[in-house]
Amino acid sequence: MDFDEMDEVEEIVDDDFEDMDEDSSDDMLPGFIRRSRQIRKKNLDTIRTFLGKGRQEQVSIIRPRYYSDLLAWAVKDYIANENWKIAKVLGRDAEVPDYTRVDADYDKRENAMCMGYMLVEKDDRRVVISLKIDYRCAASAVVTSTRKKVVKAFAKGVSELAQGKNLYQGKKIEYCGNIHFLKLPLKSWDDLALDETLKDEIRTNTVDFLNRKEELAKYGILPRRGVMLAGEPGTGKTLIDKIIMNQSPDITCISATTGNLIYTSYIHEVYELARDLKPSIVFLEDIDLIGEDRRRMKGPALPTLLAELDGIEECAEVVTIASTNFLDAIDDALRKRPSRFDRIIQLTLPSLEQRRGFIQYLSRKIPLPDEMQEYMAWRTEGLTPAQIQEVAHSLVIEHKHSPECDELGHCRFDKTDVDKVLVLVKADRRGRELGFPVKTGGNGGASLVVEQTRILNSEPESTDTRKGGDSDVLGKVR
């Protein structure tokens, strides 16, 4: 902002009670309002005394709602960095100000004033900062002093700190009305049971796309992209998001909160934030919440998203990664129109070879002999990667004692152990409660055995494209 051309604003404290009858006395007002007015008058007197005589000079700093915490942090940080001394703090209509917890980094949270006055001094200079941050509208800080150069220098310093690029660019954040840093588990493509060609396609259209923006611009390719991940729960959609965040150190990653996507203002803010912190990737999980076919569900959220993805205002250097469990329900404007979502990547259940690789990867922490790995690979046909992982974890969990391992470090699990946990996981997959009903009476144990046998002997839910599927030769490893 140009501080030399700023208009002066009105006196630091506006009249919050201007809608009241000017002739009304304090005795006619409700008790809580009367108390607030008394405190406010007292605080104003304190401020006037602190600033001293002379014409008050003011500069206002305004930041969008999503940068509310950033403005609160910038005021605090500037005061500390420039060695200003806090002489007093006051509330706006209360004895003490309000504070908020601000994410200043992944492992750093600070208390910062969000509503009130800060009276600060340095040598013979005195400044009052009025903060009004309520997360329902734009955040503001009004800087006041009787010395014009002092107020402009102070406001300029705070304003420069309160730029999103200073705190958030290149970071992994979640926006849910305010901004939080995401502490991500370390994940790599090895954690994902997915065909290598699909992994490469995802990388090509997300992280690599942004890293190659200058090269692609030579061919007239606009620096925006959309990828939609579709597949049933447990196929790896959320895991892909985590992997991409881990693999994009210089790219801002913004995770949108699903429940807020129904609000048009929230969608606007997410993409304003993404454009300001570009290059960036926006993650929209469960996009079917707002992206369903408009012939069945109408609302303002979908048109707003369409406009943000490919509207009048250029969404440059922003990639959107959306996910859905229900691709068929998605509106054609999202599903069939390139430049909104240019790639629809369907995540199918893993093939036999992919299951082998994934189980081998899991065996790094849960040592299993080769024969057991192969048996698990065959027996887990029709399961998602999340369910296969649950099978491996359940092998340990269901052993109430610590598994004894041989000299090679292989846990002493056998096929019976695998079959036992497969019963649990497959039963849950079919929509029943986890575990099995044991009837009271003499044949209760027999009922359990019959149920276990039925599930274990049922045909796997094959998704392999080769003729016959995995189950054709299952007997080879039994």
Protein backbone atom coordinates (compact mmCIF):
# COMPACT_ATOMS: atom_id res chain seq x y z
CA MET A 1 0.00 0.00 0.00
CA ASP A 2 1.15 3.58 -0.62
CA PHE A 3 1.55 5.14 2.79
CA ASP A 4 2.28 8.62 1.42
CA GLU A 5 -1.13 8.84 -0.21
CA MET A 6 -3.18 7.40 2.66
CA ASP A 7 -6.17 9.36 3.77
CA GLU A 8 -6.33 10.21 7.42
CA VAL A 9 -9.07 8.40 9.25
CA GLU A 10 -11.29 9.53 12.05
CA GLU A 11 -10.26 9.50 15.68
CA ILE A 12 -9.05 6.16 17.01
CA VAL A 13 -12.21 5.18 18.82
CA ASP A 14 -15.40 5.23 16.81
CA ASP A 15 -18.68 5.38 18.64
CA ASP A 16 -19.96 1.80 18.87
CA PHE A 17 -23.13 3.15 20.46
CA GLU A 18 -23.97 5.74 17.81
CA ASP A 19 -27.31 4.05 17.15
CA MET A 20 -28.45 4.92 20.67
CA ASP A 21 -30.61 7.88 21.49
CA GLU A 22 -28.20 10.75 22.19
CA ASP A 23 -30.51 12.03 24.91
CA SER A 24 -30.57 8.72 26.73
CA SER A 25 -28.72 8.64 30.01
CA ASP A 26 -26.66 5.76 31.34
CA ASP A 27 -29.42 5.01 33.84
CA MET A 28 -31.81 4.19 30.97
CA LEU A 29 -29.48 1.59 29.40
CA PRO A 30 -29.28 -2.13 30.16
CA GLY A 31 -26.70 -2.96 32.80
CA PHE A 32 -24.13 -4.67 30.55
CA ILE A 33 -24.19 -1.79 28.03
CA ARG A 34 -23.90 0.78 30.79
CA ARG A 35 -20.88 -1.07 32.16
CA SER A 36 -19.28 -1.29 28.70
CA ARG A 37 -19.70 2.44 28.16
CA GLN A 38 -18.12 3.23 31.48
CA ILE A 39 -15.11 1.04 30.71
CA ARG A 40 -14.82 2.51 27.21
CA LYS A 41 -14.82 6.10 28.51
CA LYS A 42 -12.15 5.18 31.04
CA ASN A 43 -10.00 3.53 28.34
CA LEU A 44 -10.37 6.56 26.05
CA ASP A 45 -9.19 8.86 28.80
CA THR A 46 -6.18 6.60 29.36
CA ILE A 47 -5.35 6.66 25.62
CA ARG A 48 -5.65 10.47 25.36
CA THR A 49 -3.45 10.93 28.38
CA PHE A 50 -0.86 8.51 26.98
CA LEU A 51 -0.70 10.16 23.55
CA GLY A 52 -0.64 13.68 24.99
CA LYS A 53 -1.71 16.86 23.30
CA GLY A 54 -1.57 17.31 19.57
CA ARG A 55 -3.39 16.27 16.45
CA GLN A 56 -3.72 12.49 16.15
CA GLU A 57 -2.33 10.94 12.96
CA GLN A 58 -3.64 7.54 11.93
CA VAL A 59 -3.04 4.77 9.42
CA SER A 60 -5.33 1.76 8.99
CA ILE A 61 -4.04 -1.68 8.04
CA ILE A 62 -6.70 -3.98 6.60
CA ARG A 63 -6.22 -7.66 5.84
CA PRO A 64 -8.66 -10.27 4.46
CA ARG A 65 -10.42 -12.47 6.96
CA TYR A 66 -8.15 -15.43 6.20
CA TYR A 67 -5.16 -13.32 7.27
CA SER A 68 -6.68 -12.30 10.61
CA ASP A 69 -4.19 -14.34 12.63
CA LEU A 70 -1.37 -13.06 10.44
CA LEU A 71 -2.19 -9.43 11.29
CA ALA A 72 -2.35 -10.19 15.01
CA TRP A 73 1.02 -11.95 14.78
CA ALA A 74 2.59 -9.15 12.70
CA VAL A 75 1.73 -6.49 15.30
CA LYS A 76 3.24 -8.57 18.09
CA ASP A 77 6.32 -9.50 16.07
CA TYR A 78 7.03 -5.95 14.91
CA ILE A 79 6.84 -4.58 18.45
CA ALA A 80 9.29 -7.23 19.65
CA ASN A 81 11.69 -6.91 16.70
CA GLU A 82 11.86 -3.11 16.85
CA ASN A 83 12.28 -3.01 20.63
CA TRP A 84 9.09 -1.13 21.38
CA LYS A 85 7.99 -1.37 24.99
CA ILE A 86 4.38 -2.18 25.84
CA ALA A 87 3.33 0.39 28.42
CA LYS A 88 -0.27 -0.80 28.81
CA VAL A 89 -2.95 -2.94 27.21
CA LEU A 90 -6.68 -2.21 27.30
CA GLY A 91 -9.85 -3.91 26.18
CA ARG A 92 -12.24 -2.27 23.78
CA ASP A 93 -15.31 -2.56 25.96
CA ALA A 94 -13.77 -4.58 28.76
CA GLU A 95 -11.06 -4.17 31.37
CA VAL A 96 -8.68 -6.47 29.51
CA PRO A 97 -8.17 -7.24 25.80
CA ASP A 98 -8.98 -10.49 24.03
CA TYR A 99 -6.22 -12.80 22.83
CA THR A 100 -6.03 -15.61 20.29
CA ARG A 101 -3.65 -18.50 19.66
CA VAL A 102 -1.80 -18.02 16.39
CA ASP A 103 0.03 -20.69 14.41
CA ALA A 104 3.37 -19.02 13.67
CA ASP A 105 5.01 -22.20 12.32
CA TYR A 106 4.61 -25.98 12.38
CA ASP A 107 5.71 -26.28 16.00
CA LYS A 108 5.19 -22.71 17.16
CA ARG A 109 1.99 -21.26 18.61
CA GLU A 110 1.84 -17.81 20.15
CA ASN A 111 -0.69 -15.73 22.06
CA ALA A 112 -1.50 -12.48 20.27
CA MET A 113 -4.00 -9.74 20.94
CA CYS A 114 -7.02 -9.83 18.68
CA MET A 115 -9.37 -7.25 20.25
CA GLY A 116 -8.20 -4.25 22.24
CA TYR A 117 -5.61 -1.48 22.45
CA MET A 118 -1.84 -1.66 22.83
CA LEU A 119 -0.06 1.43 24.18
CA VAL A 120 3.61 1.22 23.19
CA GLU A 121 6.57 3.57 23.51
CA LYS A 122 10.16 3.87 22.38
CA ASP A 123 12.36 6.73 23.53
CA ASP A 124 10.14 9.80 23.20
CA ARG A 125 7.74 8.19 20.68
CA ARG A 126 4.33 6.90 21.65
CA VAL A 127 1.93 4.84 19.56
CA VAL A 128 -1.48 3.26 20.16
CA ILE A 129 -2.59 0.24 18.13
CA SER A 130 -6.29 -0.56 17.98
CA LEU A 131 -6.87 -4.20 16.96
CA LYS A 132 -10.24 -5.47 15.80
CA ILE A 133 -10.13 -9.11 14.71
CA ASP A 134 -13.32 -11.11 15.10
CA TYR A 135 -12.98 -13.64 12.19
CA ARG A 136 -16.32 -12.64 10.72
CA CYS A 137 -14.98 -9.91 8.46
CA ALA A 138 -11.74 -8.27 7.38
CA ALA A 139 -9.20 -7.75 10.15
CA SER A 140 -8.04 -4.24 10.98
CA ALA A 141 -5.31 -2.52 12.96
CA VAL A 142 -5.41 1.26 13.38
CA VAL A 143 -2.07 2.85 14.30
CA THR A 144 -2.27 6.25 16.02
CA SER A 145 0.33 8.77 17.15
CA THR A 146 0.70 12.53 17.37
CA ARG A 147 3.74 12.31 15.07
CA LYS A 148 3.06 11.67 11.41
CA LYS A 149 6.41 10.09 10.51
CA VAL A 150 6.25 7.78 13.50
CA VAL A 151 2.78 6.46 12.69
CA LYS A 152 3.62 5.88 9.01
CA ALA A 153 6.88 4.07 9.78
CA PHE A 154 5.18 1.88 12.40
CA ALA A 155 2.25 1.02 10.12
CA LYS A 156 4.54 0.29 7.19
CA GLY A 157 6.62 -2.11 9.28
CA VAL A 158 3.55 -4.02 10.49
CA SER A 159 2.03 -4.08 7.00
CA GLU A 160 5.17 -5.56 5.46
CA LEU A 161 5.18 -8.34 8.05
CA ALA A 162 1.47 -8.99 7.55
CA GLN A 163 1.99 -10.33 4.02
CA GLY A 164 0.92 -13.94 3.55
CA LYS A 165 4.14 -14.82 1.73
CA ASN A 166 6.15 -14.09 4.87
CA LEU A 167 4.50 -16.78 6.99
CA TYR A 168 2.64 -19.20 4.72
CA GLN A 169 4.20 -19.44 1.27
CA GLY A 170 5.62 -22.87 0.50
CA LYS A 171 4.07 -24.29 3.68
CA LYS A 172 1.47 -27.01 4.19
CA ILE A 173 -1.62 -25.44 5.73
CA GLU A 174 -5.29 -26.04 6.43
CA TYR A 175 -7.79 -23.23 6.02
CA CYS A 176 -10.91 -23.50 8.16
CA GLY A 177 -11.71 -19.82 8.76
CA ASN A 178 -8.21 -19.26 10.03
CA ILE A 179 -4.94 -20.91 9.02
CA HIS A 180 -3.27 -23.85 10.72
CA PHE A 181 0.03 -25.49 9.84
CA LEU A 182 -0.28 -29.20 9.05
CA LYS A 183 2.10 -31.61 10.76
CA LEU A 184 2.37 -34.32 8.15
CA PRO A 185 3.56 -37.88 8.65
CA LEU A 186 6.41 -38.79 6.34
CA LYS A 187 4.87 -40.55 3.36
CA SER A 188 6.29 -41.61 0.01
CA TRP A 189 4.97 -43.28 -3.13
CA ASP A 190 6.16 -46.61 -1.67
CA ASP A 191 3.32 -46.32 0.87
CA LEU A 192 0.79 -46.52 -1.96
CA ALA A 193 -0.39 -49.75 -3.60
CA LEU A 194 -0.97 -48.26 -7.03
CA ASP A 195 0.23 -48.91 -10.55
CA GLU A 196 3.45 -47.02 -11.34
CA THR A 197 1.95 -45.46 -14.47
CA LEU A 198 -0.84 -43.91 -12.39
CA LYS A 199 1.65 -42.62 -9.83
CA ASP A 200 3.61 -41.00 -12.66
CA GLU A 201 0.45 -39.48 -14.14
CA ILE A 202 -0.48 -37.92 -10.80
CA ARG A 203 3.02 -36.46 -10.37
CA THR A 204 3.07 -35.17 -13.97
CA ASN A 205 -0.18 -33.25 -13.54
CA THR A 206 0.47 -31.81 -10.06
CA VAL A 207 3.92 -31.15 -8.60
CA ASP A 208 5.83 -31.57 -11.87
CA PHE A 209 3.29 -29.40 -13.69
CA LEU A 210 3.94 -26.45 -11.37
CA ASN A 211 7.70 -26.99 -11.43
CA ARG A 212 7.63 -26.91 -15.27
CA LYS A 213 5.38 -23.84 -15.60
CA GLU A 214 7.97 -21.73 -17.45
CA GLU A 215 8.72 -24.50 -19.93
CA LEU A 216 5.03 -25.22 -20.53
CA ALA A 217 4.25 -21.51 -21.00
CA LYS A 218 6.33 -21.56 -24.21
CA TYR A 219 3.67 -23.83 -25.68
CA GLY A 220 0.77 -21.64 -24.56
CA ILE A 221 -0.24 -23.98 -21.74
CA LEU A 222 -1.99 -22.03 -19.01
CA PRO A 223 -0.48 -22.49 -15.52
CA ARG A 224 -3.51 -24.10 -13.94
CA ARG A 225 -4.54 -27.72 -13.65
CA GLY A 226 -7.18 -29.93 -12.11
CA VAL A 227 -6.96 -33.59 -11.12
CA MET A 228 -9.84 -35.61 -9.70
CA LEU A 229 -9.13 -38.83 -7.81
CA ALA A 230 -12.02 -41.28 -7.81
CA GLY A 231 -12.33 -44.56 -6.00
CA GLU A 232 -13.99 -46.32 -3.12
CA PRO A 233 -12.87 -45.55 0.46
CA GLY A 234 -9.48 -46.98 1.31
CA THR A 235 -8.00 -46.94 -2.19
CA GLY A 236 -5.51 -44.22 -1.31
CA LYS A 237 -7.02 -40.83 -2.19
CA THR A 238 -6.15 -39.13 1.10
CA LEU A 239 -2.78 -40.88 1.17
CA ILE A 240 -2.00 -39.42 -2.27
CA ASP A 241 -2.70 -35.94 -0.86
CA LYS A 242 -0.24 -36.57 1.97
CA ILE A 243 2.40 -37.89 -0.42
CA ILE A 244 2.08 -34.88 -2.72
CA MET A 245 2.42 -32.52 0.24
CA ASN A 246 5.57 -34.36 1.27
CA GLN A 247 6.95 -34.20 -2.28
CA SER A 248 6.40 -30.46 -2.90
CA PRO A 249 8.82 -28.48 -0.69
CA ASP A 250 8.51 -25.14 -2.53
CA ILE A 251 4.79 -25.28 -3.25
CA THR A 252 2.06 -23.99 -0.92
CA CYS A 253 -0.40 -26.78 -0.15
CA ILE A 254 -3.83 -25.72 1.11
CA SER A 255 -6.21 -28.31 2.54
CA ALA A 256 -9.82 -27.13 2.45
CA THR A 257 -12.19 -28.33 5.15
CA THR A 258 -14.98 -30.36 3.60
CA GLY A 259 -17.77 -29.03 5.79
CA ASN A 260 -17.11 -25.43 4.71
CA LEU A 261 -17.31 -26.11 0.97
CA ILE A 262 -21.04 -25.44 0.98
CA TYR A 263 -20.34 -21.75 1.65
CA THR A 264 -19.56 -19.63 -1.42
CA SER A 265 -17.55 -17.12 0.59
CA TYR A 266 -15.31 -19.92 1.83
CA ILE A 267 -14.63 -21.17 -1.71
CA HIS A 268 -13.74 -17.61 -2.78
CA GLU A 269 -11.35 -17.26 0.14
CA VAL A 270 -9.62 -20.59 -0.49
CA TYR A 271 -8.78 -19.59 -4.05
CA GLU A 272 -7.86 -16.01 -3.13
CA LEU A 273 -5.44 -17.52 -0.63
CA ALA A 274 -4.11 -19.96 -3.26
CA ARG A 275 -3.49 -17.16 -5.76
CA ASP A 276 -1.74 -15.01 -3.19
CA LEU A 277 0.54 -17.86 -2.08
CA LYS A 278 1.21 -19.29 -5.55
CA PRO A 279 2.49 -21.65 -6.78
CA SER A 280 0.00 -23.65 -4.80
CA ILE A 281 -2.06 -26.83 -4.70
CA VAL A 282 -5.61 -26.83 -3.32
CA PHE A 283 -6.95 -30.11 -1.92
CA LEU A 284 -10.72 -30.61 -1.99
CA GLU A 285 -11.73 -33.90 -0.39
CA ASP A 286 -15.21 -35.33 -0.96
CA ILE A 287 -16.03 -32.86 -3.72
CA ASP A 288 -19.32 -34.69 -4.28
CA LEU A 289 -20.62 -32.71 -1.29
CA ILE A 290 -21.05 -29.73 -3.62
CA GLY A 291 -20.30 -31.24 -7.03
CA GLU A 292 -23.29 -33.52 -7.50
CA ASP A 293 -25.26 -33.40 -10.72
CA ARG A 294 -27.25 -30.14 -10.72
CA ARG A 295 -30.29 -31.99 -12.02
CA ARG A 296 -30.49 -33.60 -8.58
CA MET A 297 -28.98 -31.00 -6.28
CA LYS A 298 -29.01 -27.24 -6.73
CA GLY A 299 -27.08 -24.65 -4.78
CA PRO A 300 -24.65 -21.75 -5.21
CA ALA A 301 -21.50 -23.63 -4.18
CA LEU A 302 -20.95 -25.55 -7.45
CA PRO A 303 -21.27 -22.48 -9.75
CA THR A 304 -18.87 -20.66 -7.45
CA LEU A 305 -16.32 -23.47 -7.68
CA LEU A 306 -16.68 -23.59 -11.49
CA ALA A 307 -16.00 -19.86 -11.68
CA GLU A 308 -12.92 -20.15 -9.45
CA LEU A 309 -11.48 -23.02 -11.46
CA ASP A 310 -12.06 -21.50 -14.89
CA GLY A 311 -13.75 -18.13 -14.64
CA ILE A 312 -13.01 -14.56 -15.65
CA GLU A 313 -10.25 -14.14 -13.08
CA GLU A 314 -7.21 -16.22 -14.00
CA CYS A 315 -6.39 -18.91 -11.44
CA ALA A 316 -2.72 -18.96 -12.41
CA GLU A 317 -0.13 -21.28 -10.87
CA VAL A 318 -2.81 -23.15 -8.94
CA VAL A 319 -3.45 -26.88 -9.18
CA THR A 320 -6.61 -28.37 -7.68
CA ILE A 321 -6.72 -31.98 -6.49
CA ALA A 322 -10.22 -33.17 -5.67
CA SER A 323 -11.41 -36.57 -4.53
CA THR A 324 -14.69 -38.43 -4.58
CA ASN A 325 -16.11 -41.83 -3.75
CA PHE A 326 -18.97 -41.30 -6.21
CA LEU A 327 -17.65 -40.29 -9.63
CA ASP A 328 -20.93 -41.11 -11.40
CA ALA A 329 -22.75 -38.56 -9.25
CA ILE A 330 -20.42 -35.67 -10.18
CA ASP A 331 -21.84 -32.95 -12.44
CA ASP A 332 -20.70 -33.03 -16.08
CA ALA A 333 -19.31 -29.50 -15.78
CA LEU A 334 -16.68 -30.91 -13.42
CA ARG A 335 -16.35 -34.44 -14.74
CA LYS A 336 -16.27 -33.89 -18.49
CA ARG A 337 -14.89 -30.39 -18.98
CA PRO A 338 -11.10 -30.01 -19.26
CA SER A 339 -9.55 -26.85 -17.75
CA ARG A 340 -11.54 -27.53 -14.61
CA PHE A 341 -10.51 -31.10 -14.00
CA ASP A 342 -8.20 -32.12 -16.79
CA ARG A 343 -7.53 -35.62 -15.48
CA ILE A 344 -9.93 -38.08 -13.88
CA ILE A 345 -7.82 -40.79 -12.26
CA GLN A 346 -9.73 -43.83 -11.05
CA LEU A 347 -8.09 -45.74 -8.23
CA THR A 348 -9.04 -49.39 -8.56
CA LEU A 349 -8.39 -52.20 -6.13
CA PRO A 350 -4.78 -53.39 -6.27
CA SER A 351 -3.76 -56.25 -8.54
CA LEU A 352 -1.91 -59.31 -7.32
CA GLU A 353 1.46 -57.80 -8.22
CA GLN A 354 0.58 -54.53 -6.47
CA ARG A 355 -0.54 -56.43 -3.37
CA ARG A 356 2.74 -58.33 -3.35
CA GLY A 357 4.71 -55.11 -3.47
CA PHE A 358 2.57 -53.45 -0.81
CA ILE A 359 2.77 -56.40 1.58
CA GLN A 360 6.53 -56.55 1.04
CA TYR A 361 6.63 -52.86 2.00
CA LEU A 362 4.53 -53.50 5.12
CA SER A 363 6.90 -56.32 6.05
CA ARG A 364 9.66 -53.81 6.68
CA LYS A 365 8.03 -53.16 10.05
CA ILE A 366 6.10 -56.42 10.46
CA PRO A 367 8.61 -59.06 9.35
CA LEU A 368 6.94 -61.92 7.48
CA PRO A 369 8.62 -64.79 5.66
CA ASP A 370 8.25 -64.89 1.88
CA GLU A 371 5.73 -67.74 2.02
CA MET A 372 3.47 -65.75 4.37
CA GLN A 373 3.73 -62.65 2.19
CA GLU A 374 2.68 -64.63 -0.85
CA TYR A 375 -0.23 -66.22 1.01
CA MET A 376 -1.45 -62.81 2.18
CA ALA A 377 -1.15 -61.42 -1.35
CA TRP A 378 -3.44 -64.13 -2.73
CA ARG A 379 -5.91 -64.07 0.14
CA THR A 380 -6.40 -60.29 0.10
CA GLU A 381 -7.85 -60.11 -3.40
CA GLY A 382 -10.78 -57.68 -3.43
CA LEU A 383 -9.51 -55.66 -0.47
CA THR A 384 -8.44 -52.03 -0.57
CA PRO A 385 -4.90 -51.02 0.41
CA ALA A 386 -6.26 -49.69 3.71
CA GLN A 387 -7.84 -53.08 4.44
CA ILE A 388 -4.67 -54.95 3.48
CA GLN A 389 -2.76 -52.77 5.91
CA GLU A 390 -5.37 -53.58 8.55
CA VAL A 391 -4.79 -57.29 7.94
CA ALA A 392 -1.07 -56.84 8.59
CA HIS A 393 -1.65 -54.71 11.68
CA SER A 394 -4.27 -57.13 13.02
CA LEU A 395 -1.78 -59.99 12.85
CA VAL A 396 0.14 -58.19 15.60
CA ILE A 397 -2.88 -56.82 17.48
CA GLU A 398 -4.67 -60.17 17.70
CA HIS A 399 -1.57 -61.74 19.28
CA LYS A 400 -2.08 -60.77 22.89
CA HIS A 401 1.55 -61.61 23.65
CA SER A 402 4.63 -60.17 21.93
CA PRO A 403 5.25 -62.31 18.82
CA GLU A 404 8.31 -64.48 19.07
CA CYS A 405 10.62 -64.06 16.12
CA ASP A 406 13.15 -66.43 14.65
CA GLU A 407 16.80 -65.65 14.11
CA LEU A 408 15.99 -63.92 10.78
CA GLY A 409 13.58 -61.53 12.46
CA HIS A 410 10.46 -63.13 10.98
CA CYS A 411 7.44 -63.13 13.28
CA ARG A 412 5.95 -66.54 13.91
CA PHE A 413 2.63 -65.95 12.17
CA ASP A 414 1.10 -68.75 10.20
CA LYS A 415 -1.73 -69.14 7.68
CA THR A 416 -4.22 -69.72 10.48
CA ASP A 417 -3.38 -66.29 11.88
CA VAL A 418 -3.91 -64.71 8.47
CA ASP A 419 -7.23 -66.49 8.02
CA LYS A 420 -8.39 -65.33 11.43
CA VAL A 421 -7.83 -61.62 10.74
CA LEU A 422 -9.21 -61.97 7.21
CA VAL A 423 -12.48 -63.12 8.77
CA LEU A 424 -12.61 -59.91 10.79
CA VAL A 425 -11.69 -57.56 7.95
CA LYS A 426 -13.89 -59.25 5.31
CA ALA A 427 -16.87 -59.41 7.65
CA ASP A 428 -16.56 -55.68 8.30
CA ARG A 429 -16.20 -55.03 4.56
CA ARG A 430 -19.56 -56.65 3.93
CA GLY A 431 -21.27 -54.12 6.15
CA ARG A 432 -21.70 -56.23 9.27
CA GLU A 433 -20.51 -55.37 12.72
CA LEU A 434 -16.93 -56.26 13.46
CA GLY A 435 -16.78 -59.71 15.01
CA PHE A 436 -19.30 -62.53 14.83
CA PRO A 437 -22.53 -63.31 16.63
CA VAL A 438 -22.10 -66.28 18.95
CA LYS A 439 -25.47 -67.81 19.71
CA THR A 440 -26.19 -68.87 23.23
CA GLY A 441 -26.74 -72.56 23.72
CA GLY A 442 -24.98 -75.71 22.69
CA ASN A 443 -24.32 -74.86 19.05
CA GLY A 444 -22.82 -71.35 19.59
CA GLY A 445 -19.28 -72.47 18.80
CA ALA A 446 -20.47 -74.29 15.70
CA SER A 447 -22.19 -71.13 14.42
CA LEU A 448 -18.94 -69.20 14.72
CA VAL A 449 -17.03 -71.86 12.81
CA VAL A 450 -19.67 -71.95 10.06
CA GLU A 451 -19.53 -68.15 9.66
CA GLN A 452 -15.74 -68.11 9.53
CA THR A 453 -15.68 -70.91 6.98
CA ARG A 454 -18.30 -69.24 4.79
CA ILE A 455 -16.39 -65.93 4.60
CA LEU A 456 -12.99 -67.50 4.05
CA ASN A 457 -14.28 -69.74 1.30
CA SER A 458 -16.23 -67.00 -0.44
CA GLU A 459 -14.98 -65.80 -3.80
CA PRO A 460 -12.65 -62.79 -3.62
CA GLU A 461 -14.02 -59.57 -5.12
CA SER A 462 -11.73 -59.64 -8.13
CA THR A 463 -10.83 -56.49 -10.01
CA ASP A 464 -7.93 -57.96 -11.99
CA THR A 465 -8.23 -57.36 -15.71
CA ARG A 466 -6.53 -60.57 -16.75
CA LYS A 467 -8.84 -63.50 -17.43
CA GLY A 468 -9.84 -65.48 -14.40
CA GLY A 469 -8.46 -63.14 -11.70
CA ASP A 470 -6.28 -64.17 -8.78
CA SER A 471 -8.66 -66.77 -7.40
CA ASP A 472 -8.03 -69.23 -10.26
CA VAL A 473 -4.72 -70.38 -8.81
CA LEU A 474 -5.27 -69.65 -5.14
CA GLY A 475 -4.82 -73.29 -4.28
CA LYS A 476 -1.15 -73.07 -5.18
CA VAL A 477 -0.34 -71.18 -2.01
CA ARG A 478 -2.82 -72.70 0.41
